[in-house]
């Protein structure tokens, strides 16, 4: 049940991050979920490194969304512009 909860929360976090970040992020449901999950993990790791969270404590919703937005910005910078004919 924990994995299903992580996927659902990751999807919601990914959707909120994509809605709050300006610009067009062309990605599907799976990539949105992956961005949300990795953003949550990133926020938890940074929070533990800065002493905001104890080891094993998950990041909060706001920190997860901010982590996903940071990840979306990094993905947009790394991704090459695509030219369509």
Protein backbone atom coordinates (compact mmCIF):
# COMPACT_ATOMS: atom_id res chain seq x y z
CA UNK A 1 0.00 0.00 0.00
CA UNK A 2 2.94 2.33 0.57
CA UNK A 3 4.03 2.23 -3.09
CA UNK A 4 0.54 3.04 -4.34
CA UNK A 5 0.34 5.97 -1.92
CA UNK A 6 3.75 7.21 -3.08
CA UNK A 7 2.64 7.07 -6.72
CA UNK A 8 -0.60 8.94 -6.02
CA UNK A 9 1.12 11.62 -3.92
CA UNK A 10 3.88 11.92 -6.54
CA UNK A 11 1.29 12.44 -9.27
CA UNK A 12 -0.51 15.14 -7.28
CA UNK A 13 2.78 16.88 -6.41
CA UNK A 14 3.88 16.69 -10.06
CA UNK A 15 0.59 18.17 -11.27
CA UNK A 16 0.75 21.02 -8.77
CA UNK A 17 4.39 21.74 -9.63
CA UNK A 18 3.60 21.82 -13.35
CA UNK A 19 0.65 24.13 -12.71
CA UNK A 20 2.70 26.54 -10.59
CA UNK A 21 5.79 26.67 -12.83
CA UNK A 22 5.35 29.02 -15.77
CA UNK A 23 5.91 27.67 -19.23
CA UNK A 24 4.88 24.64 -21.21
CA UNK A 25 6.24 21.38 -19.85
CA UNK A 26 5.51 18.72 -22.41
CA UNK A 27 5.36 15.48 -20.49
CA UNK A 28 2.84 12.74 -19.89
CA UNK A 29 1.30 11.23 -16.83
CA UNK A 30 4.22 8.93 -16.10
CA UNK A 31 6.83 11.69 -16.30
CA UNK A 32 4.63 13.96 -14.16
CA UNK A 33 4.47 11.23 -11.52
CA UNK A 34 8.23 10.61 -11.68
CA UNK A 35 8.93 14.35 -11.33
CA UNK A 36 6.64 14.49 -8.29
CA UNK A 37 8.23 11.48 -6.61
CA UNK A 38 11.82 12.59 -7.31
CA UNK A 39 10.95 16.16 -6.24
CA UNK A 40 9.63 14.84 -2.94
CA UNK A 41 12.75 12.76 -2.41
CA UNK A 42 14.92 15.76 -3.30
CA UNK A 43 13.05 17.97 -0.84
CA UNK A 44 13.38 15.35 1.89
CA UNK A 45 17.10 14.94 1.27
CA UNK A 46 17.75 18.70 1.30
CA UNK A 47 15.56 19.10 4.38
CA UNK A 48 17.52 16.41 6.23
CA UNK A 49 20.83 17.95 5.16
CA UNK A 50 19.73 21.33 6.49
CA UNK A 51 18.31 19.88 9.71
CA UNK A 52 14.64 20.57 8.96
CA UNK A 53 13.65 16.89 8.95
CA UNK A 54 14.84 13.91 10.97
CA UNK A 55 16.14 10.85 9.09
CA UNK A 56 13.21 8.82 7.84
CA UNK A 57 10.76 11.71 8.12
CA UNK A 58 9.07 12.54 4.80
CA UNK A 59 9.05 16.04 3.39
CA UNK A 60 5.88 18.12 3.64
CA UNK A 61 3.60 19.01 0.76
CA UNK A 62 5.01 22.49 0.21
CA UNK A 63 8.61 21.28 0.28
CA UNK A 64 7.72 18.45 -2.10
CA UNK A 65 6.12 20.85 -4.57
CA UNK A 66 9.12 23.20 -4.35
CA UNK A 67 11.46 20.25 -4.92
CA UNK A 68 9.45 19.21 -7.98
CA UNK A 69 9.52 22.78 -9.34
CA UNK A 70 13.30 22.87 -8.92
CA UNK A 71 13.50 19.57 -10.77
CA UNK A 72 11.27 20.90 -13.57
CA UNK A 73 13.55 23.94 -13.96
CA UNK A 74 16.62 21.68 -14.15
CA UNK A 75 14.91 19.43 -16.72
CA UNK A 76 13.93 22.46 -18.82
CA UNK A 77 17.52 23.75 -18.77
CA UNK A 78 18.98 20.37 -19.74
CA UNK A 79 16.40 19.50 -22.37
CA UNK A 80 17.30 20.69 -25.82
CA UNK A 81 14.77 22.83 -27.67
CA UNK A 82 12.83 20.75 -30.13
CA UNK A 83 12.14 22.13 -33.56
CA UNK A 84 9.05 20.91 -35.32
CA UNK A 85 8.51 21.12 -39.01
